Structures are given as C-alpha cells and as structure tokens.
Amino acid sequence: MNHPDYPQNPYQRPLPTSTMAVISLVAGILGFIAFPVLGSIAAIITGYAARNETRANPPTASGDGMATAGIVLGWVNIGLAVIGLCCVAAYFIFVVGLVAVGGQ
C-alpha cells in the first residue's frame, strides 16, 4: 500500500529547504512592511535563484512554493509602486494645470 505522504524509498531523506526560497519569502514580506524597493528586488532575484535550485534535475532542495510566493510578492509590490508613481505624476500634472488656468 503506497501512501502519497511517504517516500517510495524508506531510506531516502527529504530534501532540505532552500535558503534562497526562505530569503525570497521574507524579502517579499519585508517589501510590503519596511523596504519597498529593496525588499521587492531581493525577493525577485532570490526567488528565481531558488526556483532554479528546486527545479533542477535532480532537485537539490525543496521550497518551490516559498520561492514562487516571494516572486509574486516582489512583482506585486513593484506593480503597486509603479501605480503609485503614476498617481503622484498625475496629481502634479493636475495641480500644474490648475495653477496655469487660475493665473489667467
């Protein structure tokens, strides 16, 4: 009887969790809390490095889900930063337009 939670070979040890995947997830979370740009960039870079490590043949570490979560958090934070910058630019363009119209 095979159970999906148990390895097929009883002597096979589970793979260690990738350190890069943990760093990616932590950096992605920190990107929302403390370091928006640096945390996001670190999450993306370490996330892709961890995915290369976990998807190698044979894999050398586990943690593909954490790496993917870090990548997603990093890209979402960068997207929010771009939207925020566009809103700030639109605000200043609007204010400049009001000042120009009000001065006539």
PDB file of N, CA and C in Angstrom:
ATOM      1  N   MET A   1       0.844  -1.163   0.000  1.00  0.00           N
ATOM      2  CA  MET A   1       0.000   0.000   0.000  1.00  0.00           C
ATOM      3  C   MET A   1       0.901   1.241   0.000  1.00  0.00           C
ATOM      4  N   ASN A   2       0.730   2.073  -1.025  1.00  0.00           N
ATOM      5  CA  ASN A   2       1.523   3.295  -1.146  1.00  0.00           C
ATOM      6  C   ASN A   2       0.722   4.487  -0.634  1.00  0.00           C
ATOM      7  N   HIS A   3       1.332   5.251   0.214  1.00  0.00           N
ATOM      8  CA  HIS A   3       0.720   6.461   0.738  1.00  0.00           C
ATOM      9  C   HIS A   3       1.458   7.648   0.143  1.00  0.00           C
ATOM     10  N   PRO A   4       0.734   8.676  -0.349  1.00  0.00           N
ATOM     11  CA  PRO A   4       1.421   9.783  -1.027  1.00  0.00           C
ATOM     12  C   PRO A   4       2.316  10.620  -0.120  1.00  0.00           C
ATOM     13  N   ASP A   5       2.114  10.550   1.203  1.00  0.00           N
ATOM     14  CA  ASP A   5       2.931  11.359   2.100  1.00  0.00           C
ATOM     15  C   ASP A   5       4.280  10.729   2.405  1.00  0.00           C
ATOM     16  N   TYR A   6       4.432   9.463   2.118  1.00  0.00           N
ATOM     17  CA  TYR A   6       5.673   8.762   2.443  1.00  0.00           C
ATOM     18  C   TYR A   6       6.503   8.561   1.182  1.00  0.00           C
ATOM     19  N   PRO A   7       7.809   8.718   1.285  1.00  0.00           N
ATOM     20  CA  PRO A   7       8.655   8.472   0.105  1.00  0.00           C
ATOM     21  C   PRO A   7       8.629   6.982  -0.261  1.00  0.00           C
ATOM     22  N   GLN A   8       8.835   6.709  -1.546  1.00  0.00           N
ATOM     23  CA  GLN A   8       8.822   5.329  -2.012  1.00  0.00           C
ATOM     24  C   GLN A   8       9.971   4.535  -1.405  1.00  0.00           C
ATOM     25  N   ASN A   9      11.132   5.179  -1.286  1.00  0.00           N
ATOM     26  CA  ASN A   9      12.294   4.523  -0.719  1.00  0.00           C
ATOM     27  C   ASN A   9      12.368   4.917   0.765  1.00  0.00           C
ATOM     28  N   PRO A  10      12.262   3.956   1.674  1.00  0.00           N
ATOM     29  CA  PRO A  10      12.266   4.326   3.093  1.00  0.00           C
ATOM     30  C   PRO A  10      13.598   4.892   3.564  1.00  0.00           C
ATOM     31  N   TYR A  11      14.673   4.683   2.804  1.00  0.00           N
ATOM     32  CA  TYR A  11      15.984   5.192   3.193  1.00  0.00           C
ATOM     33  C   TYR A  11      16.267   6.573   2.595  1.00  0.00           C
ATOM     34  N   GLN A  12      15.348   7.057   1.775  1.00  0.00           N
ATOM     35  CA  GLN A  12      15.529   8.357   1.142  1.00  0.00           C
ATOM     36  C   GLN A  12      15.155   9.458   2.139  1.00  0.00           C
ATOM     37  N   ARG A  13      16.063  10.400   2.316  1.00  0.00           N
ATOM     38  CA  ARG A  13      15.805  11.516   3.222  1.00  0.00           C
ATOM     39  C   ARG A  13      15.119  12.643   2.460  1.00  0.00           C
ATOM     40  N   PRO A  14      14.268  13.390   3.148  1.00  0.00           N
ATOM     41  CA  PRO A  14      13.646  14.537   2.466  1.00  0.00           C
ATOM     42  C   PRO A  14      14.691  15.612   2.173  1.00  0.00           C
ATOM     43  N   LEU A  15      14.434  16.358   1.130  1.00  0.00           N
ATOM     44  CA  LEU A  15      15.365  17.413   0.732  1.00  0.00           C
ATOM     45  C   LEU A  15      15.309  18.568   1.731  1.00  0.00           C
ATOM     46  N   PRO A  16      16.436  19.223   1.980  1.00  0.00           N
ATOM     47  CA  PRO A  16      16.411  20.396   2.857  1.00  0.00           C
ATOM     48  C   PRO A  16      15.721  21.564   2.158  1.00  0.00           C
ATOM     49  N   THR A  17      15.175  22.452   2.932  1.00  0.00           N
ATOM     50  CA  THR A  17      14.521  23.637   2.381  1.00  0.00           C
ATOM     51  C   THR A  17      15.575  24.616   1.880  1.00  0.00           C
ATOM     52  N   SER A  18      15.334  25.162   0.714  1.00  0.00           N
ATOM     53  CA  SER A  18      16.263  26.107   0.105  1.00  0.00           C
ATOM     54  C   SER A  18      16.340  27.397   0.924  1.00  0.00           C
ATOM     55  N   THR A  19      17.542  27.791   1.256  1.00  0.00           N
ATOM     56  CA  THR A  19      17.740  29.044   1.990  1.00  0.00           C
ATOM     57  C   THR A  19      17.327  30.236   1.141  1.00  0.00           C
ATOM     58  N   MET A  20      17.576  30.161  -0.149  1.00  0.00           N
ATOM     59  CA  MET A  20      17.198  31.247  -1.051  1.00  0.00           C
ATOM     60  C   MET A  20      15.676  31.414  -1.105  1.00  0.00           C
ATOM     61  N   ALA A  21      14.937  30.308  -1.004  1.00  0.00           N
ATOM     62  CA  ALA A  21      13.480  30.390  -1.008  1.00  0.00           C
ATOM     63  C   ALA A  21      12.977  31.088   0.248  1.00  0.00           C
ATOM     64  N   VAL A  22      13.581  30.781   1.379  1.00  0.00           N
ATOM     65  CA  VAL A  22      13.190  31.438   2.635  1.00  0.00           C
ATOM     66  C   VAL A  22      13.514  32.933   2.562  1.00  0.00           C
ATOM     67  N   ILE A  23      14.697  33.264   2.044  1.00  0.00           N
ATOM     68  CA  ILE A  23      15.084  34.672   1.916  1.00  0.00           C
ATOM     69  C   ILE A  23      14.125  35.395   0.969  1.00  0.00           C
ATOM     70  N   SER A  24      13.729  34.736  -0.107  1.00  0.00           N
ATOM     71  CA  SER A  24      12.808  35.344  -1.061  1.00  0.00           C
ATOM     72  C   SER A  24      11.473  35.658  -0.409  1.00  0.00           C
ATOM     73  N   LEU A  25      10.940  34.723   0.344  1.00  0.00           N
ATOM     74  CA  LEU A  25       9.655  34.935   1.001  1.00  0.00           C
ATOM     75  C   LEU A  25       9.752  36.041   2.047  1.00  0.00           C
ATOM     76  N   VAL A  26      10.797  36.030   2.853  1.00  0.00           N
ATOM     77  CA  VAL A  26      10.972  37.062   3.879  1.00  0.00           C
ATOM     78  C   VAL A  26      11.177  38.433   3.236  1.00  0.00           C
ATOM     79  N   ALA A  27      11.970  38.502   2.170  1.00  0.00           N
ATOM     80  CA  ALA A  27      12.192  39.779   1.483  1.00  0.00           C
ATOM     81  C   ALA A  27      10.904  40.286   0.838  1.00  0.00           C
ATOM     82  N   GLY A  28      10.100  39.379   0.304  1.00  0.00           N
ATOM     83  CA  GLY A  28       8.818  39.792  -0.275  1.00  0.00           C
ATOM     84  C   GLY A  28       7.880  40.371   0.769  1.00  0.00           C
ATOM     85  N   ILE A  29       7.857  39.777   1.947  1.00  0.00           N
ATOM     86  CA  ILE A  29       7.028  40.303   3.032  1.00  0.00           C
ATOM     87  C   ILE A  29       7.592  41.641   3.519  1.00  0.00           C
ATOM     88  N   LEU A  30       8.901  41.728   3.678  1.00  0.00           N
ATOM     89  CA  LEU A  30       9.521  42.982   4.108  1.00  0.00           C
ATOM     90  C   LEU A  30       9.330  44.089   3.076  1.00  0.00           C
ATOM     91  N   GLY A  31       9.171  43.713   1.812  1.00  0.00           N
ATOM     92  CA  GLY A  31       8.913  44.706   0.777  1.00  0.00           C
ATOM     93  C   GLY A  31       7.610  45.454   1.018  1.00  0.00           C
ATOM     94  N   PHE A  32       6.629  44.793   1.617  1.00  0.00           N
ATOM     95  CA  PHE A  32       5.364  45.451   1.936  1.00  0.00           C
ATOM     96  C   PHE A  32       5.428  46.206   3.251  1.00  0.00           C
ATOM     97  N   ILE A  33       6.314  45.787   4.157  1.00  0.00           N
ATOM     98  CA  ILE A  33       6.325  46.353   5.501  1.00  0.00           C
ATOM     99  C   ILE A  33       7.357  47.467   5.654  1.00  0.00           C
ATOM    100  N   ALA A  34       8.605  47.213   5.280  1.00  0.00           N
ATOM    101  CA  ALA A  34       9.670  48.136   5.641  1.00  0.00           C
ATOM    102  C   ALA A  34      10.466  48.685   4.450  1.00  0.00           C
ATOM    103  N   PHE A  35      10.864  47.836   3.531  1.00  0.00           N
ATOM    104  CA  PHE A  35      11.770  48.234   2.445  1.00  0.00           C
ATOM    105  C   PHE A  35      11.112  47.965   1.096  1.00  0.00           C
ATOM    106  N   PRO A  36      10.298  48.904   0.601  1.00  0.00           N
ATOM    107  CA  PRO A  36       9.510  48.612  -0.596  1.00  0.00           C
ATOM    108  C   PRO A  36      10.323  48.224  -1.819  1.00  0.00           C
ATOM    109  N   VAL A  37      11.298  49.010  -2.197  1.00  0.00           N
ATOM    110  CA  VAL A  37      12.013  48.732  -3.435  1.00  0.00           C
ATOM    111  C   VAL A  37      13.071  47.658  -3.228  1.00  0.00           C
ATOM    112  N   LEU A  38      13.889  47.798  -2.202  1.00  0.00           N
ATOM    113  CA  LEU A  38      14.966  46.834  -1.972  1.00  0.00           C
ATOM    114  C   LEU A  38      14.423  45.445  -1.647  1.00  0.00           C
ATOM    115  N   GLY A  39      13.384  45.385  -0.835  1.00  0.00           N
ATOM    116  CA  GLY A  39      12.802  44.090  -0.494  1.00  0.00           C
ATOM    117  C   GLY A  39      12.223  43.390  -1.710  1.00  0.00           C
ATOM    118  N   SER A  40      11.571  44.150  -2.578  1.00  0.00           N
ATOM    119  CA  SER A  40      10.969  43.556  -3.776  1.00  0.00           C
ATOM    120  C   SER A  40      12.022  43.046  -4.742  1.00  0.00           C
ATOM    121  N   ILE A  41      13.058  43.829  -4.956  1.00  0.00           N
ATOM    122  CA  ILE A  41      14.120  43.397  -5.865  1.00  0.00           C
ATOM    123  C   ILE A  41      14.832  42.169  -5.313  1.00  0.00           C
ATOM    124  N   ALA A  42      15.108  42.165  -4.013  1.00  0.00           N
ATOM    125  CA  ALA A  42      15.747  40.999  -3.397  1.00  0.00           C
ATOM    126  C   ALA A  42      14.855  39.774  -3.479  1.00  0.00           C
ATOM    127  N   ALA A  43      13.544  39.955  -3.297  1.00  0.00           N
ATOM    128  CA  ALA A  43      12.612  38.827  -3.372  1.00  0.00           C
ATOM    129  C   ALA A  43      12.597  38.223  -4.773  1.00  0.00           C
ATOM    130  N   ILE A  44      12.624  39.058  -5.788  1.00  0.00           N
ATOM    131  CA  ILE A  44      12.579  38.562  -7.166  1.00  0.00           C
ATOM    132  C   ILE A  44      13.869  37.834  -7.519  1.00  0.00           C
ATOM    133  N   ILE A  45      15.002  38.438  -7.189  1.00  0.00           N
ATOM    134  CA  ILE A  45      16.286  37.825  -7.550  1.00  0.00           C
ATOM    135  C   ILE A  45      16.481  36.497  -6.821  1.00  0.00           C
ATOM    136  N   THR A  46      16.275  36.499  -5.512  1.00  0.00           N
ATOM    137  CA  THR A  46      16.480  35.254  -4.759  1.00  0.00           C
ATOM    138  C   THR A  46      15.400  34.226  -5.075  1.00  0.00           C
ATOM    139  N   GLY A  47      14.209  34.686  -5.429  1.00  0.00           N
ATOM    140  CA  GLY A  47      13.136  33.754  -5.790  1.00  0.00           C
ATOM    141  C   GLY A  47      13.454  32.974  -7.054  1.00  0.00           C
ATOM    142  N   TYR A  48      13.947  33.672  -8.069  1.00  0.00           N
ATOM    143  CA  TYR A  48      14.312  32.967  -9.303  1.00  0.00           C
ATOM    144  C   TYR A  48      15.517  32.046  -9.091  1.00  0.00           C
ATOM    145  N   ALA A  49      16.451  32.464  -8.254  1.00  0.00           N
ATOM    146  CA  ALA A  49      17.594  31.587  -7.941  1.00  0.00           C
ATOM    147  C   ALA A  49      17.135  30.340  -7.205  1.00  0.00           C
ATOM    148  N   ALA A  50      16.198  30.503  -6.287  1.00  0.00           N
ATOM    149  CA  ALA A  50      15.682  29.353  -5.540  1.00  0.00           C
ATOM    150  C   ALA A  50      14.879  28.423  -6.447  1.00  0.00           C
ATOM    151  N   ARG A  51      14.129  28.981  -7.382  1.00  0.00           N
ATOM    152  CA  ARG A  51      13.382  28.115  -8.304  1.00  0.00           C
ATOM    153  C   ARG A  51      14.314  27.313  -9.196  1.00  0.00           C
ATOM    154  N   ASN A  52      15.424  27.905  -9.599  1.00  0.00           N
ATOM    155  CA  ASN A  52      16.410  27.130 -10.366  1.00  0.00           C
ATOM    156  C   ASN A  52      16.961  25.993  -9.521  1.00  0.00           C
ATOM    157  N   GLU A  53      17.146  26.253  -8.234  1.00  0.00           N
ATOM    158  CA  GLU A  53      17.681  25.235  -7.326  1.00  0.00           C
ATOM    159  C   GLU A  53      16.671  24.120  -7.077  1.00  0.00           C
ATOM    160  N   THR A  54      15.401  24.483  -6.925  1.00  0.00           N
ATOM    161  CA  THR A  54      14.388  23.471  -6.604  1.00  0.00           C
ATOM    162  C   THR A  54      13.887  22.727  -7.830  1.00  0.00           C
ATOM    163  N   ARG A  55      14.042  23.296  -8.998  1.00  0.00           N
ATOM    164  CA  ARG A  55      13.565  22.637 -10.220  1.00  0.00           C
ATOM    165  C   ARG A  55      14.690  21.980 -11.017  1.00  0.00           C
ATOM    166  N   ALA A  56      15.875  21.911 -10.429  1.00  0.00           N
ATOM    167  CA  ALA A  56      16.987  21.240 -11.101  1.00  0.00           C
ATOM    168  C   ALA A  56      16.680  19.753 -11.198  1.00  0.00           C
ATOM    169  N   ASN A  57      17.407  19.074 -12.059  1.00  0.00           N
ATOM    170  CA  ASN A  57      17.198  17.638 -12.218  1.00  0.00           C
ATOM    171  C   ASN A  57      18.475  16.913 -11.861  1.00  0.00           C
ATOM    172  N   PRO A  58      18.618  16.269 -10.750  1.00  0.00           N
ATOM    173  CA  PRO A  58      17.671  16.111  -9.648  1.00  0.00           C
ATOM    174  C   PRO A  58      17.652  17.351  -8.764  1.00  0.00           C
ATOM    175  N   PRO A  59      16.524  17.607  -8.095  1.00  0.00           N
ATOM    176  CA  PRO A  59      16.458  18.800  -7.240  1.00  0.00           C
ATOM    177  C   PRO A  59      17.412  18.682  -6.053  1.00  0.00           C
ATOM    178  N   THR A  60      18.007  19.803  -5.698  1.00  0.00           N
ATOM    179  CA  THR A  60      18.942  19.811  -4.578  1.00  0.00           C
ATOM    180  C   THR A  60      18.305  20.330  -3.307  1.00  0.00           C
ATOM    181  N   ALA A  61      17.117  20.947  -3.416  1.00  0.00           N
ATOM    182  CA  ALA A  61      16.436  21.483  -2.245  1.00  0.00           C
ATOM    183  C   ALA A  61      14.942  21.556  -2.521  1.00  0.00           C
ATOM    184  N   SER A  62      14.177  21.678  -1.457  1.00  0.00           N
ATOM    185  CA  SER A  62      12.742  21.890  -1.593  1.00  0.00           C
ATOM    186  C   SER A  62      12.447  23.353  -1.298  1.00  0.00           C
ATOM    187  N   GLY A  63      11.203  23.760  -1.483  1.00  0.00           N
ATOM    188  CA  GLY A  63      10.821  25.136  -1.211  1.00  0.00           C
ATOM    189  C   GLY A  63      10.371  25.892  -2.441  1.00  0.00           C
ATOM    190  N   ASP A  64       9.888  25.176  -3.450  1.00  0.00           N
ATOM    191  CA  ASP A  64       9.451  25.827  -4.683  1.00  0.00           C
ATOM    192  C   ASP A  64       8.275  26.767  -4.426  1.00  0.00           C
ATOM    193  N   GLY A  65       7.388  26.381  -3.523  1.00  0.00           N
ATOM    194  CA  GLY A  65       6.238  27.228  -3.201  1.00  0.00           C
ATOM    195  C   GLY A  65       6.645  28.526  -2.538  1.00  0.00           C
ATOM    196  N   MET A  66       7.609  28.461  -1.637  1.00  0.00           N
ATOM    197  CA  MET A  66       8.092  29.681  -0.984  1.00  0.00           C
ATOM    198  C   MET A  66       8.775  30.596  -1.995  1.00  0.00           C
ATOM    199  N   ALA A  67       9.529  30.007  -2.916  1.00  0.00           N
ATOM    200  CA  ALA A  67      10.199  30.805  -3.940  1.00  0.00           C
ATOM    201  C   ALA A  67       9.168  31.495  -4.836  1.00  0.00           C
ATOM    202  N   THR A  68       8.154  30.766  -5.229  1.00  0.00           N
ATOM    203  CA  THR A  68       7.110  31.340  -6.071  1.00  0.00           C
ATOM    204  C   THR A  68       6.363  32.449  -5.328  1.00  0.00           C
ATOM    205  N   ALA A  69       6.081  32.240  -4.055  1.00  0.00           N
ATOM    206  CA  ALA A  69       5.399  33.274  -3.259  1.00  0.00           C
ATOM    207  C   ALA A  69       6.255  34.528  -3.152  1.00  0.00           C
ATOM    208  N   GLY A  70       7.558  34.372  -2.960  1.00  0.00           N
ATOM    209  CA  GLY A  70       8.444  35.529  -2.906  1.00  0.00           C
ATOM    210  C   GLY A  70       8.479  36.288  -4.216  1.00  0.00           C
ATOM    211  N   ILE A  71       8.498  35.559  -5.335  1.00  0.00           N
ATOM    212  CA  ILE A  71       8.497  36.195  -6.652  1.00  0.00           C
ATOM    213  C   ILE A  71       7.200  36.978  -6.860  1.00  0.00           C
ATOM    214  N   VAL A  72       6.073  36.367  -6.517  1.00  0.00           N
ATOM    215  CA  VAL A  72       4.780  37.030  -6.687  1.00  0.00           C
ATOM    216  C   VAL A  72       4.700  38.277  -5.809  1.00  0.00           C
ATOM    217  N   LEU A  73       5.118  38.170  -4.549  1.00  0.00           N
ATOM    218  CA  LEU A  73       5.098  39.333  -3.662  1.00  0.00           C
ATOM    219  C   LEU A  73       5.988  40.458  -4.197  1.00  0.00           C
ATOM    220  N   GLY A  74       7.149  40.096  -4.716  1.00  0.00           N
ATOM    221  CA  GLY A  74       8.044  41.105  -5.266  1.00  0.00           C
ATOM    222  C   GLY A  74       7.442  41.828  -6.456  1.00  0.00           C
ATOM    223  N   TRP A  75       6.870  41.070  -7.400  1.00  0.00           N
ATOM    224  CA  TRP A  75       6.287  41.710  -8.585  1.00  0.00           C
ATOM    225  C   TRP A  75       5.050  42.516  -8.237  1.00  0.00           C
ATOM    226  N   VAL A  76       4.227  42.046  -7.307  1.00  0.00           N
ATOM    227  CA  VAL A  76       3.045  42.808  -6.896  1.00  0.00           C
ATOM    228  C   VAL A  76       3.466  44.125  -6.266  1.00  0.00           C
ATOM    229  N   ASN A  77       4.491  44.090  -5.422  1.00  0.00           N
ATOM    230  CA  ASN A  77       4.956  45.319  -4.783  1.00  0.00           C
ATOM    231  C   ASN A  77       5.537  46.297  -5.804  1.00  0.00           C
ATOM    232  N   ILE A  78       6.258  45.795  -6.788  1.00  0.00           N
ATOM    233  CA  ILE A  78       6.784  46.678  -7.833  1.00  0.00           C
ATOM    234  C   ILE A  78       5.638  47.272  -8.656  1.00  0.00           C
ATOM    235  N   GLY A  79       4.625  46.463  -8.949  1.00  0.00           N
ATOM    236  CA  GLY A  79       3.451  46.970  -9.669  1.00  0.00           C
ATOM    237  C   GLY A  79       2.738  48.059  -8.891  1.00  0.00           C
ATOM    238  N   LEU A  80       2.577  47.864  -7.590  1.00  0.00           N
ATOM    239  CA  LEU A  80       1.946  48.894  -6.759  1.00  0.00           C
ATOM    240  C   LEU A  80       2.784  50.165  -6.711  1.00  0.00           C
ATOM    241  N   ALA A  81       4.103  50.023  -6.693  1.00  0.00           N
ATOM    242  CA  ALA A  81       4.980  51.197  -6.694  1.00  0.00           C
ATOM    243  C   ALA A  81       4.844  51.973  -8.004  1.00  0.00           C
ATOM    244  N   VAL A  82       4.752  51.266  -9.124  1.00  0.00           N
ATOM    245  CA  VAL A  82       4.590  51.935 -10.424  1.00  0.00           C
ATOM    246  C   VAL A  82       3.243  52.658 -10.481  1.00  0.00           C
ATOM    247  N   ILE A  83       2.187  52.009  -9.994  1.00  0.00           N
ATOM    248  CA  ILE A  83       0.873  52.656  -9.966  1.00  0.00           C
ATOM    249  C   ILE A  83       0.909  53.892  -9.070  1.00  0.00           C
ATOM    250  N   GLY A  84       1.579  53.791  -7.933  1.00  0.00           N
ATOM    251  CA  GLY A  84       1.699  54.938  -7.035  1.00  0.00           C
ATOM    252  C   GLY A  84       2.443  56.099  -7.673  1.00  0.00           C
ATOM    253  N   LEU A  85       3.529  55.780  -8.372  1.00  0.00           N
ATOM    254  CA  LEU A  85       4.276  56.843  -9.063  1.00  0.00           C
ATOM    255  C   LEU A  85       3.439  57.498 -10.161  1.00  0.00           C
ATOM    256  N   CYS A  86       2.657  56.713 -10.864  1.00  0.00           N
ATOM    257  CA  CYS A  86       1.775  57.274 -11.896  1.00  0.00           C
ATOM    258  C   CYS A  86       0.719  58.186 -11.274  1.00  0.00           C
ATOM    259  N   CYS A  87       0.182  57.806 -10.113  1.00  0.00           N
ATOM    260  CA  CYS A  87      -0.799  58.644  -9.427  1.00  0.00           C
ATOM    261  C   CYS A  87      -0.175  59.949  -8.952  1.00  0.00           C
ATOM    262  N   VAL A  88       1.037  59.894  -8.433  1.00  0.00           N
ATOM    263  CA  VAL A  88       1.731  61.115  -8.000  1.00  0.00           C
ATOM    264  C   VAL A  88       2.003  62.012  -9.198  1.00  0.00           C
ATOM    265  N   ALA A  89       2.437  61.442 -10.308  1.00  0.00           N
ATOM    266  CA  ALA A  89       2.694  62.236 -11.512  1.00  0.00           C
ATOM    267  C   ALA A  89       1.398  62.869 -12.020  1.00  0.00           C
ATOM    268  N   ALA A  90       0.305  62.115 -12.029  1.00  0.00           N
ATOM    269  CA  ALA A  90      -0.976  62.662 -12.478  1.00  0.00           C
ATOM    270  C   ALA A  90      -1.440  63.783 -11.553  1.00  0.00           C
ATOM    271  N   TYR A  91      -1.217  63.638 -10.259  1.00  0.00           N
ATOM    272  CA  TYR A  91      -1.586  64.678  -9.304  1.00  0.00           C
ATOM    273  C   TYR A  91      -0.820  65.976  -9.589  1.00  0.00           C
ATOM    274  N   PHE A  92       0.494  65.862  -9.802  1.00  0.00           N
ATOM    275  CA  PHE A  92       1.280  67.064 -10.069  1.00  0.00           C
ATOM    276  C   PHE A  92       0.898  67.694 -11.405  1.00  0.00           C
ATOM    277  N   ILE A  93       0.591  66.908 -12.395  1.00  0.00           N
ATOM    278  CA  ILE A  93       0.140  67.460 -13.677  1.00  0.00           C
ATOM    279  C   ILE A  93      -1.187  68.185 -13.494  1.00  0.00           C
ATOM    280  N   PHE A  94      -2.076  67.613 -12.693  1.00  0.00           N
ATOM    281  CA  PHE A  94      -3.366  68.249 -12.409  1.00  0.00           C
ATOM    282  C   PHE A  94      -3.181  69.569 -11.676  1.00  0.00           C
ATOM    283  N   VAL A  95      -2.288  69.595 -10.684  1.00  0.00           N
ATOM    284  CA  VAL A  95      -2.041  70.816  -9.910  1.00  0.00           C
ATOM    285  C   VAL A  95      -1.419  71.883 -10.784  1.00  0.00           C
ATOM    286  N   VAL A  96      -0.481  71.517 -11.628  1.00  0.00           N
ATOM    287  CA  VAL A  96       0.139  72.474 -12.546  1.00  0.00           C
ATOM    288  C   VAL A  96      -0.905  73.036 -13.497  1.00  0.00           C
ATOM    289  N   GLY A  97      -1.812  72.193 -13.967  1.00  0.00           N
ATOM    290  CA  GLY A  97      -2.892  72.657 -14.835  1.00  0.00           C
ATOM    291  C   GLY A  97      -3.823  73.628 -14.131  1.00  0.00           C
ATOM    292  N   LEU A  98      -4.147  73.373 -12.859  1.00  0.00           N
ATOM    293  CA  LEU A  98      -4.996  74.290 -12.117  1.00  0.00           C
ATOM    294  C   LEU A  98      -4.310  75.630 -11.884  1.00  0.00           C
ATOM    295  N   VAL A  99      -3.004  75.588 -11.578  1.00  0.00           N
ATOM    296  CA  VAL A  99      -2.268  76.834 -11.365  1.00  0.00           C
ATOM    297  C   VAL A  99      -2.192  77.624 -12.655  1.00  0.00           C
ATOM    298  N   ALA A 100      -1.989  76.979 -13.773  1.00  0.00           N
ATOM    299  CA  ALA A 100      -1.891  77.668 -15.059  1.00  0.00           C
ATOM    300  C   ALA A 100      -3.235  78.294 -15.446  1.00  0.00           C
ATOM    301  N   VAL A 101      -4.322  77.596 -15.195  1.00  0.00           N
ATOM    302  CA  VAL A 101      -5.652  78.130 -15.541  1.00  0.00           C
ATOM    303  C   VAL A 101      -6.044  79.236 -14.564  1.00  0.00           C
ATOM    304  N   GLY A 102      -5.693  79.074 -13.290  1.00  0.00           N
ATOM    305  CA  GLY A 102      -6.047  80.080 -12.283  1.00  0.00           C
ATOM    306  C   GLY A 102      -5.277  81.364 -12.425  1.00  0.00           C
ATOM    307  N   GLY A 103      -4.120  81.333 -13.071  1.00  0.00           N
ATOM    308  CA  GLY A 103      -3.294  82.524 -13.229  1.00  0.00           C
ATOM    309  C   GLY A 103      -3.758  83.441 -14.328  1.00  0.00           C
ATOM    310  N   GLN A 104      -4.701  83.028 -15.162  1.00  0.00           N
ATOM    311  CA  GLN A 104      -5.142  83.854 -16.292  1.00  0.00           C
ATOM    312  C   GLN A 104      -6.265  84.766 -15.901  1.00  0.00           C
TER     313      GLN A 104
END
